[in-house]
Amino acid sequence: MPDTDRRRKRGGGRRLSNAHEIGQLVLVRCGLCNVKRWYQPDDLLKIFGDIEPDLVGSKMRCERCGKNEFMHAETQSPTAGERQGIRVRRLAEIRTVRRVVWRDEQ
């Protein structure tokens, strides 16, 4: 008999790969400046890995106000009528920035 005392992990196994397979979109919004952006789960999967969609908001920063404390993400399955009015942001490229950090020796 399975052990039922332990708590289940948050999210119940929903991942970005699952959202991509069933055709959902990820809505990321800033609670401070009320900006809404729609993303393909597959694009976010390339950046953040296969994580829960709810955790995407904490890993992103708002482009308008520059803060990440107020970011919230959720998956949605828009209807065909709603999908026509949605502008989805697509991943164009990933740039890696190298920064030099110096320390002084005594």
Protein backbone atom coordinates (compact mmCIF):
# COMPACT_ATOMS: atom_id res chain seq x y z
CA MET A 1 0.00 0.00 0.00
CA PRO A 2 1.42 3.45 -0.88
CA ASP A 3 2.50 5.80 1.85
CA THR A 4 -0.15 8.55 2.11
CA ASP A 5 1.37 10.50 5.01
CA ARG A 6 3.81 12.48 2.90
CA ARG A 7 2.73 15.70 1.29
CA ARG A 8 2.70 15.97 -2.45
CA LYS A 9 5.08 18.30 -4.19
CA ARG A 10 3.68 21.65 -5.21
CA GLY A 11 2.24 21.70 -8.71
CA GLY A 12 1.56 18.00 -9.03
CA GLY A 13 4.04 17.43 -11.84
CA ARG A 14 2.99 20.23 -14.19
CA ARG A 15 6.00 21.33 -16.20
CA LEU A 16 6.70 23.60 -19.16
CA SER A 17 7.10 20.54 -21.39
CA ASN A 18 3.60 19.37 -20.43
CA ALA A 19 2.16 22.82 -21.18
CA HIS A 20 3.83 22.77 -24.60
CA GLU A 21 2.47 19.31 -25.41
CA ILE A 22 -1.14 20.27 -24.71
CA GLY A 23 -0.91 23.63 -26.51
CA GLN A 24 -1.06 26.03 -23.57
CA LEU A 25 0.51 29.48 -23.44
CA VAL A 26 2.29 31.07 -20.47
CA LEU A 27 0.97 34.44 -19.31
CA VAL A 28 3.56 36.46 -17.37
CA ARG A 29 2.36 39.67 -15.77
CA CYS A 30 3.87 42.35 -13.57
CA GLY A 31 1.68 43.21 -10.59
CA LEU A 32 3.31 46.63 -10.21
CA CYS A 33 2.90 48.13 -13.68
CA ASN A 34 0.25 45.67 -14.97
CA VAL A 35 2.12 44.57 -18.11
CA LYS A 36 1.00 41.26 -19.61
CA ARG A 37 3.16 39.18 -21.92
CA TRP A 38 2.37 35.83 -23.57
CA TYR A 39 5.09 33.24 -24.22
CA GLN A 40 5.34 29.81 -25.81
CA PRO A 41 6.27 27.23 -23.14
CA ASP A 42 8.86 25.74 -25.50
CA ASP A 43 10.78 29.05 -25.62
CA LEU A 44 10.78 29.36 -21.82
CA LEU A 45 11.87 25.72 -21.60
CA LYS A 46 15.04 26.56 -23.57
CA ILE A 47 15.90 29.37 -21.15
CA PHE A 48 14.91 28.06 -17.72
CA GLY A 49 14.75 24.30 -18.21
CA ASP A 50 11.77 22.07 -17.50
CA ILE A 51 10.40 23.83 -14.40
CA GLU A 52 6.89 24.43 -13.13
CA PRO A 53 5.20 27.31 -14.99
CA ASP A 54 4.41 29.07 -11.69
CA LEU A 55 8.15 29.49 -11.02
CA VAL A 56 8.83 31.29 -14.31
CA GLY A 57 7.63 34.64 -12.93
CA SER A 58 10.20 34.64 -10.14
CA LYS A 59 12.99 34.10 -12.67
CA MET A 60 11.98 36.96 -14.97
CA ARG A 61 12.30 40.72 -14.62
CA CYS A 62 9.75 43.25 -15.86
CA GLU A 63 11.02 45.15 -18.89
CA ARG A 64 9.08 48.28 -17.95
CA CYS A 65 9.79 48.75 -14.22
CA GLY A 66 12.83 46.45 -13.89
CA LYS A 67 11.59 44.58 -10.80
CA ASN A 68 11.02 40.87 -10.36
CA GLU A 69 9.27 40.79 -6.97
CA PHE A 70 5.87 41.40 -8.55
CA MET A 71 6.11 38.99 -11.49
CA HIS A 72 3.50 36.24 -11.71
CA ALA A 73 3.20 33.47 -14.32
CA GLU A 74 0.43 31.03 -15.14
CA THR A 75 -0.50 28.70 -17.98
CA GLN A 76 -3.69 29.25 -19.92
CA SER A 77 -5.48 27.57 -22.80
CA PRO A 78 -7.01 30.45 -24.77
CA THR A 79 -9.90 29.77 -27.13
CA ALA A 80 -9.46 30.33 -30.86
CA GLY A 81 -11.18 33.71 -30.63
CA GLU A 82 -8.97 34.84 -27.75
CA ARG A 83 -5.86 33.49 -29.50
CA GLN A 84 -6.39 35.83 -32.46
CA GLY A 85 -6.04 38.90 -30.24
CA ILE A 86 -2.96 37.65 -28.36
CA ARG A 87 0.53 38.74 -29.39
CA VAL A 88 2.94 35.96 -28.41
CA ARG A 89 6.59 36.81 -27.81
CA ARG A 90 8.98 34.37 -29.47
CA LEU A 91 12.59 33.67 -28.58
CA ALA A 92 14.90 35.24 -31.17
CA GLU A 93 18.30 34.43 -29.65
CA ILE A 94 20.10 33.81 -26.39
CA ARG A 95 23.15 35.97 -25.74
CA THR A 96 25.78 35.09 -23.18
CA VAL A 97 27.53 38.04 -21.55
CA ARG A 98 30.98 37.56 -20.04
CA ARG A 99 31.92 39.95 -17.24
CA VAL A 100 35.30 40.28 -15.62
CA VAL A 101 35.38 40.45 -11.81
CA TRP A 102 38.56 41.61 -10.08
CA ARG A 103 39.65 41.22 -6.49
CA ASP A 104 42.50 43.00 -4.75
CA GLU A 105 45.19 41.01 -2.99
CA GLN A 106 46.90 42.32 0.08
